């Protein structure tokens, strides 16, 4: 099953591809990577409970390029950036949007992917078809995780800019907000195109995407401020873009992979 915006994701990733960079050998160094495992197809658990996804495959390729040993840890989205900032982990990955305010707390790699913010609704939704018609109906609610790009898109791209707007129902995880959408407790949730298309493809018609993309965003890995891993990671990212590895992963996870199997 092909995902609707995957071609755009591929094209934009290709646009970032620089020339080959010199990749250092880190001599088998252990690198602890923290993730959420709740953001398909970037990283999530399969039916057997095994963590898989684009970012895991990308990290495998990076590990081979840099000669590092990767150890994975799991935490919630809310805890991730503070934990990496405090040096509890060497780096973090979970489709983290590169934002100026986050750069004050952590260092980012160069972008490894660009995505777009999409509106997800139930498959039978007919009361609104875009951001304007959602905003015009005060009875409609949107779910979001505080502090995330979808939260700010809901507040500033759809609603009135008030971060305490009661129409934004806050959830600790994206999955909880999505379940609220499915059960009718909210009427809309937002996600970047990578996760949005994955959930819609797995819903058997229970979910759909409406309207135009609200915004585009670049994803990067995060590190404690001043980390000596940033430059090697950037070199590996540059080479994996240039040699076609990331393009192959895009095809695998955004075009060929069928969510739910």
Protein backbone atom coordinates (compact mmCIF):
# COMPACT_ATOMS: atom_id res chain seq x y z
CA UNK A 1 0.00 0.00 0.00
CA UNK A 2 1.50 3.34 -1.00
CA UNK A 3 1.29 6.37 1.27
CA UNK A 4 -0.02 9.51 -0.35
CA UNK A 5 2.75 11.97 0.53
CA UNK A 6 5.68 9.58 0.44
CA UNK A 7 6.81 10.86 -2.95
CA UNK A 8 7.01 14.36 -1.53
CA UNK A 9 9.03 13.13 1.42
CA UNK A 10 11.40 11.35 -0.93
CA UNK A 11 11.82 14.38 -3.13
CA UNK A 12 12.48 16.69 -0.22
CA UNK A 13 15.00 14.32 1.32
CA UNK A 14 16.81 14.12 -1.99
CA UNK A 15 16.92 17.90 -2.11
CA UNK A 16 18.92 17.87 1.12
CA UNK A 17 21.55 15.45 -0.24
CA UNK A 18 25.03 17.03 -0.08
CA UNK A 19 28.31 15.71 -1.42
CA UNK A 20 30.05 12.81 0.32
CA UNK A 21 31.68 13.71 3.64
CA UNK A 22 34.66 12.18 5.39
CA UNK A 23 33.23 9.80 7.99
CA UNK A 24 35.39 9.12 11.08
CA UNK A 25 35.94 5.73 12.71
CA UNK A 26 34.83 5.91 16.37
CA UNK A 27 36.45 2.60 17.29
CA UNK A 28 33.40 0.70 18.50
CA UNK A 29 32.27 3.43 20.94
CA UNK A 30 28.97 2.67 22.71
CA UNK A 31 26.26 5.26 22.04
CA UNK A 32 23.04 5.24 24.08
CA UNK A 33 20.05 6.34 22.00
CA UNK A 34 16.70 7.10 23.62
CA UNK A 35 13.44 6.89 21.69
CA UNK A 36 9.69 6.68 22.21
CA UNK A 37 8.70 3.75 19.96
CA UNK A 38 5.37 5.41 19.22
CA UNK A 39 5.88 7.21 15.92
CA UNK A 40 5.33 4.90 12.93
CA UNK A 41 6.92 4.41 10.55
CA UNK A 42 9.93 6.17 12.10
CA UNK A 43 10.03 3.96 15.20
CA UNK A 44 7.37 1.70 16.73
CA UNK A 45 6.75 -1.84 17.97
CA UNK A 46 5.64 -4.57 15.59
CA UNK A 47 3.06 -7.22 16.54
CA UNK A 48 5.74 -9.24 18.30
CA UNK A 49 6.83 -6.23 20.36
CA UNK A 50 10.06 -5.75 18.42
CA UNK A 51 11.15 -2.11 17.88
CA UNK A 52 11.42 -1.35 14.16
CA UNK A 53 11.20 1.56 11.76
CA UNK A 54 12.99 4.05 9.54
CA UNK A 55 15.06 5.54 12.35
CA UNK A 56 16.22 2.13 13.59
CA UNK A 57 17.37 1.20 10.08
CA UNK A 58 19.02 4.60 9.70
CA UNK A 59 20.86 4.17 13.01
CA UNK A 60 22.02 0.70 11.93
CA UNK A 61 23.49 2.26 8.78
CA UNK A 62 25.04 5.12 10.75
CA UNK A 63 26.54 2.67 13.26
CA UNK A 64 28.26 0.80 10.43
CA UNK A 65 29.58 4.03 8.93
CA UNK A 66 30.96 5.33 12.24
CA UNK A 67 31.93 2.00 13.84
CA UNK A 68 29.79 2.51 16.95
CA UNK A 69 27.73 0.15 19.10
CA UNK A 70 24.20 1.42 19.70
CA UNK A 71 22.30 0.78 22.93
CA UNK A 72 18.61 1.76 22.93
CA UNK A 73 16.55 3.10 25.81
CA UNK A 74 12.87 4.09 25.91
CA UNK A 75 11.16 7.10 27.46
CA UNK A 76 8.13 9.35 26.97
CA UNK A 77 8.15 12.34 24.64
CA UNK A 78 7.82 14.80 27.53
CA UNK A 79 10.89 13.37 29.25
CA UNK A 80 13.09 12.94 26.18
CA UNK A 81 14.50 16.40 25.47
CA UNK A 82 15.16 17.23 29.16
CA UNK A 83 16.83 13.83 29.67
CA UNK A 84 19.13 14.27 26.67
CA UNK A 85 19.84 17.86 27.70
CA UNK A 86 20.93 16.61 31.13
CA UNK A 87 23.25 14.04 29.56
CA UNK A 88 21.30 10.95 30.63
CA UNK A 89 21.57 9.68 27.05
CA UNK A 90 24.03 10.30 24.23
CA UNK A 91 21.31 11.15 21.71
CA UNK A 92 17.58 10.99 21.07
CA UNK A 93 15.40 10.13 18.07
CA UNK A 94 11.66 10.22 17.55
CA UNK A 95 10.95 12.47 14.57
CA UNK A 96 12.08 15.53 16.56
CA UNK A 97 11.41 18.79 14.76
CA UNK A 98 14.38 21.14 14.59
CA UNK A 99 13.20 24.30 16.40
CA UNK A 100 15.10 27.34 17.63
CA UNK A 101 13.79 27.09 21.20
CA UNK A 102 14.87 23.44 21.40
CA UNK A 103 18.36 24.41 20.18
CA UNK A 104 18.73 26.33 23.44
CA UNK A 105 18.51 23.02 25.34
CA UNK A 106 20.08 20.44 22.99
CA UNK A 107 22.24 20.27 19.88
CA UNK A 108 20.67 18.97 16.67
CA UNK A 109 22.14 16.99 13.82
CA UNK A 110 21.66 18.21 10.29
CA UNK A 111 18.14 17.35 9.01
CA UNK A 112 17.70 13.75 7.95
CA UNK A 113 14.09 14.18 6.79
CA UNK A 114 11.44 16.79 6.07
CA UNK A 115 7.76 16.22 6.67
CA UNK A 116 4.46 18.13 6.61
CA UNK A 117 1.83 18.65 9.31
CA UNK A 118 -1.45 16.92 8.36
CA UNK A 119 -4.99 16.82 9.78
CA UNK A 120 -6.31 13.35 10.71
CA UNK A 121 -10.03 12.73 11.22
CA UNK A 122 -12.37 9.74 11.39
CA UNK A 123 -13.16 8.16 8.07
CA UNK A 124 -16.81 9.24 8.19
CA UNK A 125 -16.14 12.85 9.23
CA UNK A 126 -18.33 15.25 7.21
CA UNK A 127 -18.77 18.27 9.51
CA UNK A 128 -15.56 19.98 8.38
CA UNK A 129 -13.09 19.59 5.53
CA UNK A 130 -10.19 21.91 6.39
CA UNK A 131 -8.66 24.05 9.12
CA UNK A 132 -11.01 26.98 8.57
CA UNK A 133 -14.20 24.94 8.82
CA UNK A 134 -12.88 23.16 11.93
CA UNK A 135 -12.06 26.48 13.60
CA UNK A 136 -15.48 27.87 12.74
CA UNK A 137 -17.31 25.23 14.80
CA UNK A 138 -16.67 25.85 18.53
CA UNK A 139 -17.94 22.39 19.48
CA UNK A 140 -15.11 20.59 17.68
CA UNK A 141 -12.06 19.43 19.67
CA UNK A 142 -8.47 18.58 18.70
CA UNK A 143 -6.05 16.33 20.61
CA UNK A 144 -2.36 17.16 21.06
CA UNK A 145 0.70 16.51 23.22
CA UNK A 146 1.79 19.73 24.96
CA UNK A 147 5.09 21.10 23.67
CA UNK A 148 5.00 19.25 20.36
CA UNK A 149 4.77 20.59 16.81
CA UNK A 150 1.16 19.28 16.45
CA UNK A 151 0.21 21.18 19.62
CA UNK A 152 1.57 24.47 18.31
CA UNK A 153 0.09 23.84 14.87
CA UNK A 154 -3.33 23.34 16.48
CA UNK A 155 -2.98 26.54 18.51
CA UNK A 156 -1.40 28.84 15.94
CA UNK A 157 -2.29 27.37 12.52
CA UNK A 158 -5.90 26.46 13.28
CA UNK A 159 -7.14 28.23 16.41
CA UNK A 160 -6.65 31.64 18.03
CA UNK A 161 -3.10 31.48 19.37
CA UNK A 162 -4.24 30.92 22.97
CA UNK A 163 -2.20 28.01 24.35
CA UNK A 164 -4.90 27.40 26.98
CA UNK A 165 -7.70 27.17 24.41
CA UNK A 166 -10.12 24.56 25.85
CA UNK A 167 -10.70 23.10 22.40
CA UNK A 168 -7.22 21.57 22.55
CA UNK A 169 -7.47 18.40 24.63
CA UNK A 170 -4.05 17.49 25.98
CA UNK A 171 -2.73 13.93 26.09
CA UNK A 172 0.57 12.55 27.33
CA UNK A 173 1.11 10.44 24.21
CA UNK A 174 0.14 10.70 20.56
CA UNK A 175 -1.39 7.22 20.75
CA UNK A 176 -3.79 8.27 23.51
CA UNK A 177 -4.93 11.26 21.46
CA UNK A 178 -5.42 9.08 18.42
CA UNK A 179 -7.56 6.64 20.42
CA UNK A 180 -9.65 9.60 21.61
CA UNK A 181 -10.20 10.52 17.97
CA UNK A 182 -11.27 6.97 17.10
CA UNK A 183 -13.76 6.84 19.99
CA UNK A 184 -15.22 10.27 19.24
CA UNK A 185 -13.89 12.06 22.33
CA UNK A 186 -12.11 14.51 20.01
CA UNK A 187 -12.70 15.34 16.36
CA UNK A 188 -9.21 15.97 15.01
CA UNK A 189 -5.59 15.15 15.65
CA UNK A 190 -2.47 16.42 13.90
CA UNK A 191 0.73 14.66 12.93
CA UNK A 192 3.52 14.98 10.44
CA UNK A 193 3.06 13.09 7.20
CA UNK A 194 5.29 10.19 8.20
CA UNK A 195 3.16 9.10 11.14
CA UNK A 196 -0.17 10.37 9.75
CA UNK A 197 0.03 8.31 6.61
CA UNK A 198 1.12 5.28 8.60
CA UNK A 199 -1.89 5.40 10.91
CA UNK A 200 -4.33 6.11 8.09
CA UNK A 201 -2.97 3.21 6.03
CA UNK A 202 -3.42 0.85 9.00
CA UNK A 203 -6.97 2.02 9.82
CA UNK A 204 -8.88 0.18 7.05
CA UNK A 205 -10.86 3.32 6.28
CA UNK A 206 -11.38 4.31 9.90
CA UNK A 207 -9.21 7.39 9.50
CA UNK A 208 -8.51 9.86 6.71
CA UNK A 209 -6.51 13.01 6.02
CA UNK A 210 -8.28 16.25 5.14
CA UNK A 211 -7.33 19.73 3.98
CA UNK A 212 -3.95 21.10 2.97
CA UNK A 213 -0.72 20.56 4.91
CA UNK A 214 -0.46 23.13 7.70
CA UNK A 215 3.33 23.45 7.82
CA UNK A 216 6.55 21.69 6.92
CA UNK A 217 9.24 20.67 9.39
CA UNK A 218 12.76 19.22 9.40
CA UNK A 219 13.68 16.30 11.65
CA UNK A 220 17.02 15.86 13.40
CA UNK A 221 18.66 13.73 16.07
CA UNK A 222 19.30 15.48 19.39
CA UNK A 223 22.40 15.50 21.62
CA UNK A 224 23.53 17.12 24.86
CA UNK A 225 24.93 20.60 24.24
CA UNK A 226 28.51 20.43 23.02
CA UNK A 227 28.40 16.71 22.23
CA UNK A 228 31.35 15.45 20.19
CA UNK A 229 28.96 13.10 18.39
CA UNK A 230 27.28 15.83 16.36
CA UNK A 231 30.01 16.25 13.74
CA UNK A 232 30.47 12.49 13.13
CA UNK A 233 26.70 11.99 12.92
CA UNK A 234 26.43 14.83 10.41
CA UNK A 235 29.17 13.28 8.31
CA UNK A 236 27.38 9.92 8.34
CA UNK A 237 24.02 11.52 7.51
CA UNK A 238 25.58 13.37 4.58
CA UNK A 239 27.10 10.20 3.17
CA UNK A 240 23.94 8.13 3.63
CA UNK A 241 21.96 10.78 1.78
CA UNK A 242 24.51 10.92 -0.99
CA UNK A 243 24.93 7.16 -1.46
CA UNK A 244 21.19 6.47 -1.70
CA UNK A 245 20.74 4.71 1.66
CA UNK A 246 18.12 7.14 2.98
CA UNK A 247 16.29 7.06 -0.33
CA UNK A 248 16.10 3.26 -0.06
CA UNK A 249 14.79 3.52 3.52
CA UNK A 250 12.14 5.99 2.38
CA UNK A 251 10.96 3.49 -0.22
CA UNK A 252 10.96 0.65 2.31
CA UNK A 253 9.04 2.45 5.05
CA UNK A 254 6.89 5.00 3.22
CA UNK A 255 6.06 3.14 0.01
CA UNK A 256 6.40 -0.61 0.55
CA UNK A 257 5.71 -1.22 4.24
CA UNK A 258 2.13 -2.04 5.20
CA UNK A 259 1.26 -0.89 8.69
CA UNK A 260 -0.36 -3.52 10.87
CA UNK A 261 1.27 -6.51 9.21
